[in-house]
Amino acid sequence: MIRVLAILLAVIAAPAFAENVSTAPAAILRGLDKVDGSLTDMEMATGESRDYGRLQITLGECRYPEGNPSGNAYAHLTIREGDAEAPIFAGWMIAKTPALNALDHARYDVWVLRCKTE
């Protein structure tokens, strides 16, 4: 009974935790080549695709808390390897918790650092 009540309260309270967001025209991503240990920062505009090693990264959108551009960024990325049609990653990455929804690749890591508003 208590468990059902806790779940019910969590569902009812969920909209209260929703955050208003703004959309940025660009994002800053960071890539790690695990073989040579090199880091690469990439500034990408919304809709832009960029090659990083054998990966092709496409930024769909970057969002940040309304009125706080330096706050936690959320970027929608599509990542393909080589000429493959099926992406190896497609979804939202969150700057403060990159491991929550991470790219799973043997050689490369890619994560979002922040949205770029200018």
N, C-alpha and C. Protein backbone atom coordinates (compact mmCIF):
# COMPACT_ATOMS: atom_id res chain seq x y z
N MET A 1 0.82 -1.19 0.00
CA MET A 1 0.00 0.00 0.00
C MET A 1 0.87 1.27 0.00
N ILE A 2 1.90 1.26 0.83
CA ILE A 2 2.78 2.43 0.91
C ILE A 2 3.52 2.62 -0.41
N ARG A 3 3.92 1.51 -1.02
CA ARG A 3 4.63 1.59 -2.29
C ARG A 3 3.74 2.19 -3.38
N VAL A 4 2.48 1.77 -3.43
CA VAL A 4 1.53 2.30 -4.41
C VAL A 4 1.33 3.79 -4.18
N LEU A 5 1.22 4.20 -2.93
CA LEU A 5 1.05 5.61 -2.60
C LEU A 5 2.27 6.42 -3.02
N ALA A 6 3.48 5.87 -2.80
CA ALA A 6 4.70 6.57 -3.19
C ALA A 6 4.77 6.75 -4.71
N ILE A 7 4.40 5.71 -5.45
CA ILE A 7 4.41 5.80 -6.91
C ILE A 7 3.39 6.83 -7.38
N LEU A 8 2.21 6.81 -6.79
CA LEU A 8 1.17 7.77 -7.15
C LEU A 8 1.62 9.21 -6.89
N LEU A 9 2.24 9.44 -5.75
CA LEU A 9 2.74 10.79 -5.44
C LEU A 9 3.83 11.22 -6.41
N ALA A 10 4.70 10.29 -6.79
CA ALA A 10 5.77 10.61 -7.75
C ALA A 10 5.19 11.00 -9.10
N VAL A 11 4.16 10.29 -9.55
CA VAL A 11 3.54 10.59 -10.83
C VAL A 11 2.84 11.95 -10.78
N ILE A 12 2.16 12.24 -9.71
CA ILE A 12 1.45 13.52 -9.57
C ILE A 12 2.42 14.68 -9.47
N ALA A 13 3.54 14.48 -8.79
CA ALA A 13 4.51 15.56 -8.57
C ALA A 13 5.44 15.77 -9.75
N ALA A 14 5.52 14.84 -10.68
CA ALA A 14 6.46 14.94 -11.81
C ALA A 14 6.36 16.24 -12.58
N PRO A 15 5.14 16.75 -12.93
CA PRO A 15 5.09 18.02 -13.66
C PRO A 15 5.67 19.19 -12.89
N ALA A 16 5.69 19.12 -11.57
CA ALA A 16 6.24 20.21 -10.77
C ALA A 16 7.76 20.31 -10.95
N PHE A 17 8.40 19.22 -11.32
CA PHE A 17 9.84 19.22 -11.51
C PHE A 17 10.24 19.57 -12.93
N ALA A 18 9.29 19.74 -13.82
CA ALA A 18 9.60 20.10 -15.20
C ALA A 18 10.26 21.48 -15.24
N GLU A 19 11.17 21.64 -16.15
CA GLU A 19 11.94 22.87 -16.23
C GLU A 19 11.69 23.53 -17.58
N ASN A 20 11.46 24.83 -17.57
CA ASN A 20 11.33 25.56 -18.83
C ASN A 20 12.71 25.68 -19.46
N VAL A 21 12.76 25.45 -20.77
CA VAL A 21 14.05 25.48 -21.46
C VAL A 21 14.01 26.43 -22.64
N SER A 22 15.19 26.85 -23.05
CA SER A 22 15.38 27.64 -24.25
C SER A 22 16.23 26.83 -25.22
N THR A 23 16.10 27.12 -26.49
CA THR A 23 16.87 26.43 -27.51
C THR A 23 18.01 27.31 -27.98
N ALA A 24 19.19 26.74 -28.07
CA ALA A 24 20.37 27.47 -28.51
C ALA A 24 20.66 27.14 -29.98
N PRO A 25 21.33 28.04 -30.68
CA PRO A 25 21.65 27.79 -32.09
C PRO A 25 22.85 26.86 -32.29
N ALA A 26 23.58 26.54 -31.22
CA ALA A 26 24.79 25.72 -31.37
C ALA A 26 25.12 25.04 -30.05
N ALA A 27 26.08 24.12 -30.11
CA ALA A 27 26.54 23.41 -28.92
C ALA A 27 28.04 23.20 -29.00
N ILE A 28 28.64 22.99 -27.85
CA ILE A 28 30.05 22.62 -27.76
C ILE A 28 30.09 21.17 -27.30
N LEU A 29 30.69 20.31 -28.11
CA LEU A 29 30.84 18.90 -27.79
C LEU A 29 32.31 18.61 -27.57
N ARG A 30 32.59 17.53 -26.85
CA ARG A 30 33.97 17.10 -26.67
C ARG A 30 34.06 15.64 -27.09
N GLY A 31 35.12 15.33 -27.82
CA GLY A 31 35.37 13.96 -28.24
C GLY A 31 36.69 13.47 -27.66
N LEU A 32 36.70 12.20 -27.30
CA LEU A 32 37.91 11.56 -26.77
C LEU A 32 38.25 10.37 -27.66
N ASP A 33 39.47 10.37 -28.20
CA ASP A 33 39.99 9.21 -28.90
C ASP A 33 40.70 8.37 -27.85
N LYS A 34 40.13 7.22 -27.52
CA LYS A 34 40.67 6.38 -26.45
C LYS A 34 42.00 5.74 -26.80
N VAL A 35 42.32 5.65 -28.10
CA VAL A 35 43.58 5.02 -28.51
C VAL A 35 44.76 5.94 -28.23
N ASP A 36 44.68 7.19 -28.66
CA ASP A 36 45.81 8.10 -28.44
C ASP A 36 45.59 9.09 -27.30
N GLY A 37 44.41 9.07 -26.69
CA GLY A 37 44.14 9.93 -25.54
C GLY A 37 43.88 11.38 -25.87
N SER A 38 43.69 11.70 -27.14
CA SER A 38 43.50 13.10 -27.52
C SER A 38 42.04 13.54 -27.32
N LEU A 39 41.90 14.77 -26.86
CA LEU A 39 40.59 15.41 -26.69
C LEU A 39 40.39 16.44 -27.79
N THR A 40 39.18 16.51 -28.32
CA THR A 40 38.85 17.48 -29.36
C THR A 40 37.54 18.15 -29.00
N ASP A 41 37.56 19.49 -28.90
CA ASP A 41 36.32 20.24 -28.69
C ASP A 41 35.77 20.65 -30.05
N MET A 42 34.45 20.50 -30.20
CA MET A 42 33.80 20.78 -31.47
C MET A 42 32.63 21.73 -31.24
N GLU A 43 32.63 22.86 -31.93
CA GLU A 43 31.48 23.75 -31.92
C GLU A 43 30.63 23.39 -33.13
N MET A 44 29.37 23.08 -32.87
CA MET A 44 28.48 22.65 -33.95
C MET A 44 27.19 23.45 -33.90
N ALA A 45 26.73 23.88 -35.07
CA ALA A 45 25.45 24.56 -35.19
C ALA A 45 24.34 23.51 -35.30
N THR A 46 23.15 23.90 -34.91
CA THR A 46 22.00 23.00 -35.03
C THR A 46 21.85 22.56 -36.48
N GLY A 47 21.69 21.26 -36.68
CA GLY A 47 21.56 20.71 -38.02
C GLY A 47 22.87 20.37 -38.70
N GLU A 48 23.98 20.78 -38.12
CA GLU A 48 25.30 20.54 -38.72
C GLU A 48 25.76 19.11 -38.46
N SER A 49 26.48 18.56 -39.42
CA SER A 49 27.13 17.26 -39.26
C SER A 49 28.63 17.47 -39.36
N ARG A 50 29.35 16.70 -38.58
CA ARG A 50 30.81 16.82 -38.57
C ARG A 50 31.42 15.45 -38.41
N ASP A 51 32.54 15.23 -39.11
CA ASP A 51 33.27 13.99 -38.97
C ASP A 51 34.22 14.10 -37.79
N TYR A 52 34.26 13.04 -37.00
CA TYR A 52 35.21 12.94 -35.89
C TYR A 52 35.77 11.52 -35.95
N GLY A 53 37.00 11.41 -36.45
CA GLY A 53 37.56 10.08 -36.68
C GLY A 53 36.70 9.33 -37.68
N ARG A 54 36.25 8.13 -37.31
CA ARG A 54 35.38 7.34 -38.18
C ARG A 54 33.90 7.63 -37.93
N LEU A 55 33.61 8.58 -37.04
CA LEU A 55 32.23 8.90 -36.69
C LEU A 55 31.73 10.11 -37.46
N GLN A 56 30.43 10.14 -37.70
CA GLN A 56 29.77 11.33 -38.23
C GLN A 56 28.75 11.76 -37.18
N ILE A 57 28.92 12.95 -36.65
CA ILE A 57 28.07 13.46 -35.57
C ILE A 57 27.16 14.53 -36.14
N THR A 58 25.86 14.45 -35.84
CA THR A 58 24.88 15.44 -36.26
C THR A 58 24.19 16.00 -35.02
N LEU A 59 24.21 17.33 -34.89
CA LEU A 59 23.52 17.98 -33.78
C LEU A 59 22.10 18.33 -34.22
N GLY A 60 21.13 17.76 -33.53
CA GLY A 60 19.74 18.06 -33.83
C GLY A 60 19.25 19.31 -33.13
N GLU A 61 19.61 19.44 -31.85
CA GLU A 61 19.13 20.58 -31.06
C GLU A 61 19.92 20.64 -29.77
N CYS A 62 20.06 21.84 -29.20
CA CYS A 62 20.67 22.02 -27.89
C CYS A 62 19.75 22.88 -27.05
N ARG A 63 19.43 22.42 -25.86
CA ARG A 63 18.54 23.15 -24.94
C ARG A 63 19.24 23.40 -23.62
N TYR A 64 18.84 24.47 -22.98
CA TYR A 64 19.40 24.84 -21.68
C TYR A 64 18.29 25.44 -20.83
N PRO A 65 18.46 25.49 -19.48
CA PRO A 65 17.43 26.07 -18.62
C PRO A 65 17.15 27.52 -19.01
N GLU A 66 15.88 27.86 -19.10
CA GLU A 66 15.47 29.21 -19.50
C GLU A 66 16.13 30.26 -18.60
N GLY A 67 16.78 31.23 -19.23
CA GLY A 67 17.43 32.31 -18.50
C GLY A 67 18.77 31.94 -17.90
N ASN A 68 19.28 30.74 -18.18
CA ASN A 68 20.55 30.29 -17.61
C ASN A 68 21.37 29.54 -18.66
N PRO A 69 21.95 30.25 -19.63
CA PRO A 69 22.71 29.59 -20.69
C PRO A 69 23.90 28.77 -20.19
N SER A 70 24.42 29.09 -19.02
CA SER A 70 25.54 28.33 -18.49
C SER A 70 25.07 27.13 -17.68
N GLY A 71 23.75 26.93 -17.62
CA GLY A 71 23.19 25.79 -16.89
C GLY A 71 23.36 24.49 -17.65
N ASN A 72 22.74 23.46 -17.13
CA ASN A 72 22.86 22.12 -17.69
C ASN A 72 22.33 22.06 -19.12
N ALA A 73 23.17 21.62 -20.06
CA ALA A 73 22.80 21.53 -21.47
C ALA A 73 22.27 20.14 -21.80
N TYR A 74 21.31 20.11 -22.72
CA TYR A 74 20.74 18.87 -23.24
C TYR A 74 20.88 18.95 -24.76
N ALA A 75 21.59 18.01 -25.35
CA ALA A 75 21.79 18.04 -26.80
C ALA A 75 21.27 16.75 -27.42
N HIS A 76 20.53 16.89 -28.52
CA HIS A 76 20.07 15.71 -29.25
C HIS A 76 21.08 15.43 -30.36
N LEU A 77 21.70 14.26 -30.28
CA LEU A 77 22.76 13.89 -31.22
C LEU A 77 22.40 12.62 -31.97
N THR A 78 22.82 12.56 -33.22
CA THR A 78 22.77 11.33 -34.00
C THR A 78 24.19 11.05 -34.45
N ILE A 79 24.69 9.86 -34.11
CA ILE A 79 26.07 9.51 -34.41
C ILE A 79 26.08 8.22 -35.23
N ARG A 80 26.75 8.29 -36.36
CA ARG A 80 26.88 7.13 -37.25
C ARG A 80 28.37 6.80 -37.39
N GLU A 81 28.64 5.53 -37.66
CA GLU A 81 30.02 5.12 -37.90
C GLU A 81 30.19 4.82 -39.38
N GLY A 82 31.20 5.45 -39.98
CA GLY A 82 31.45 5.25 -41.40
C GLY A 82 30.26 5.68 -42.25
N ASP A 83 29.91 4.88 -43.23
CA ASP A 83 28.80 5.19 -44.12
C ASP A 83 27.52 4.46 -43.73
N ALA A 84 27.46 3.92 -42.54
CA ALA A 84 26.30 3.15 -42.10
C ALA A 84 25.06 4.04 -42.02
N GLU A 85 23.94 3.49 -42.47
CA GLU A 85 22.68 4.24 -42.38
C GLU A 85 22.14 4.26 -40.96
N ALA A 86 22.27 3.14 -40.27
CA ALA A 86 21.75 3.04 -38.90
C ALA A 86 22.71 3.73 -37.93
N PRO A 87 22.20 4.61 -37.09
CA PRO A 87 23.09 5.28 -36.14
C PRO A 87 23.53 4.33 -35.02
N ILE A 88 24.71 4.58 -34.49
CA ILE A 88 25.16 3.84 -33.32
C ILE A 88 24.71 4.55 -32.04
N PHE A 89 24.29 5.81 -32.19
CA PHE A 89 23.69 6.56 -31.08
C PHE A 89 22.70 7.56 -31.66
N ALA A 90 21.54 7.63 -31.06
CA ALA A 90 20.55 8.65 -31.42
C ALA A 90 19.76 8.95 -30.16
N GLY A 91 19.90 10.17 -29.66
CA GLY A 91 19.16 10.53 -28.45
C GLY A 91 19.74 11.77 -27.80
N TRP A 92 19.24 12.03 -26.61
CA TRP A 92 19.64 13.21 -25.85
C TRP A 92 20.81 12.86 -24.95
N MET A 93 21.81 13.74 -24.95
CA MET A 93 22.91 13.66 -23.99
C MET A 93 22.78 14.85 -23.06
N ILE A 94 23.08 14.63 -21.80
CA ILE A 94 22.95 15.66 -20.78
C ILE A 94 24.34 16.00 -20.26
N ALA A 95 24.67 17.28 -20.25
CA ALA A 95 26.03 17.71 -19.90
C ALA A 95 26.44 17.27 -18.49
N LYS A 96 25.57 17.43 -17.51
CA LYS A 96 25.95 17.11 -16.14
C LYS A 96 25.97 15.62 -15.84
N THR A 97 25.32 14.83 -16.66
CA THR A 97 25.29 13.38 -16.44
C THR A 97 25.55 12.65 -17.76
N PRO A 98 26.76 12.76 -18.31
CA PRO A 98 27.04 12.16 -19.63
C PRO A 98 26.90 10.64 -19.64
N ALA A 99 27.09 9.97 -18.51
CA ALA A 99 26.99 8.52 -18.47
C ALA A 99 25.55 8.03 -18.49
N LEU A 100 24.60 8.91 -18.24
CA LEU A 100 23.19 8.52 -18.20
C LEU A 100 22.73 7.98 -19.55
N ASN A 101 23.14 8.61 -20.63
CA ASN A 101 22.80 8.17 -21.98
C ASN A 101 24.03 8.41 -22.84
N ALA A 102 24.95 7.47 -22.80
CA ALA A 102 26.26 7.67 -23.41
C ALA A 102 26.43 6.89 -24.71
N LEU A 103 27.35 7.37 -25.53
CA LEU A 103 27.77 6.65 -26.72
C LEU A 103 28.58 5.44 -26.27
N ASP A 104 28.23 4.27 -26.79
CA ASP A 104 28.97 3.05 -26.47
C ASP A 104 29.80 2.66 -27.68
N HIS A 105 31.05 3.08 -27.67
CA HIS A 105 31.94 2.81 -28.80
C HIS A 105 33.30 2.39 -28.26
N ALA A 106 33.95 1.46 -28.93
CA ALA A 106 35.23 0.93 -28.47
C ALA A 106 36.35 1.97 -28.50
N ARG A 107 36.31 2.88 -29.48
CA ARG A 107 37.42 3.82 -29.63
C ARG A 107 37.09 5.24 -29.18
N TYR A 108 35.86 5.70 -29.41
CA TYR A 108 35.54 7.11 -29.20
C TYR A 108 34.50 7.31 -28.11
N ASP A 109 34.67 8.41 -27.38
CA ASP A 109 33.64 8.94 -26.50
C ASP A 109 33.28 10.32 -27.01
N VAL A 110 32.01 10.66 -26.96
CA VAL A 110 31.54 11.99 -27.33
C VAL A 110 30.53 12.42 -26.27
N TRP A 111 30.64 13.67 -25.82
CA TRP A 111 29.66 14.17 -24.87
C TRP A 111 29.49 15.67 -25.07
N VAL A 112 28.38 16.19 -24.55
CA VAL A 112 28.05 17.60 -24.67
C VAL A 112 28.65 18.35 -23.48
N LEU A 113 29.23 19.51 -23.75
CA LEU A 113 29.75 20.37 -22.69
C LEU A 113 28.76 21.46 -22.32
N ARG A 114 28.25 22.16 -23.36
CA ARG A 114 27.31 23.26 -23.10
C ARG A 114 26.67 23.70 -24.42
N CYS A 115 25.61 24.46 -24.29
CA CYS A 115 25.00 25.08 -25.45
C CYS A 115 25.73 26.40 -25.71
N LYS A 116 25.72 26.81 -26.94
CA LYS A 116 26.33 28.10 -27.32
C LYS A 116 25.22 29.01 -27.80
N THR A 117 25.05 30.13 -27.14
CA THR A 117 23.93 31.02 -27.42
C THR A 117 24.28 32.13 -28.41
N GLU A 118 25.54 32.33 -28.71
CA GLU A 118 25.92 33.42 -29.61
C GLU A 118 26.35 32.89 -30.94
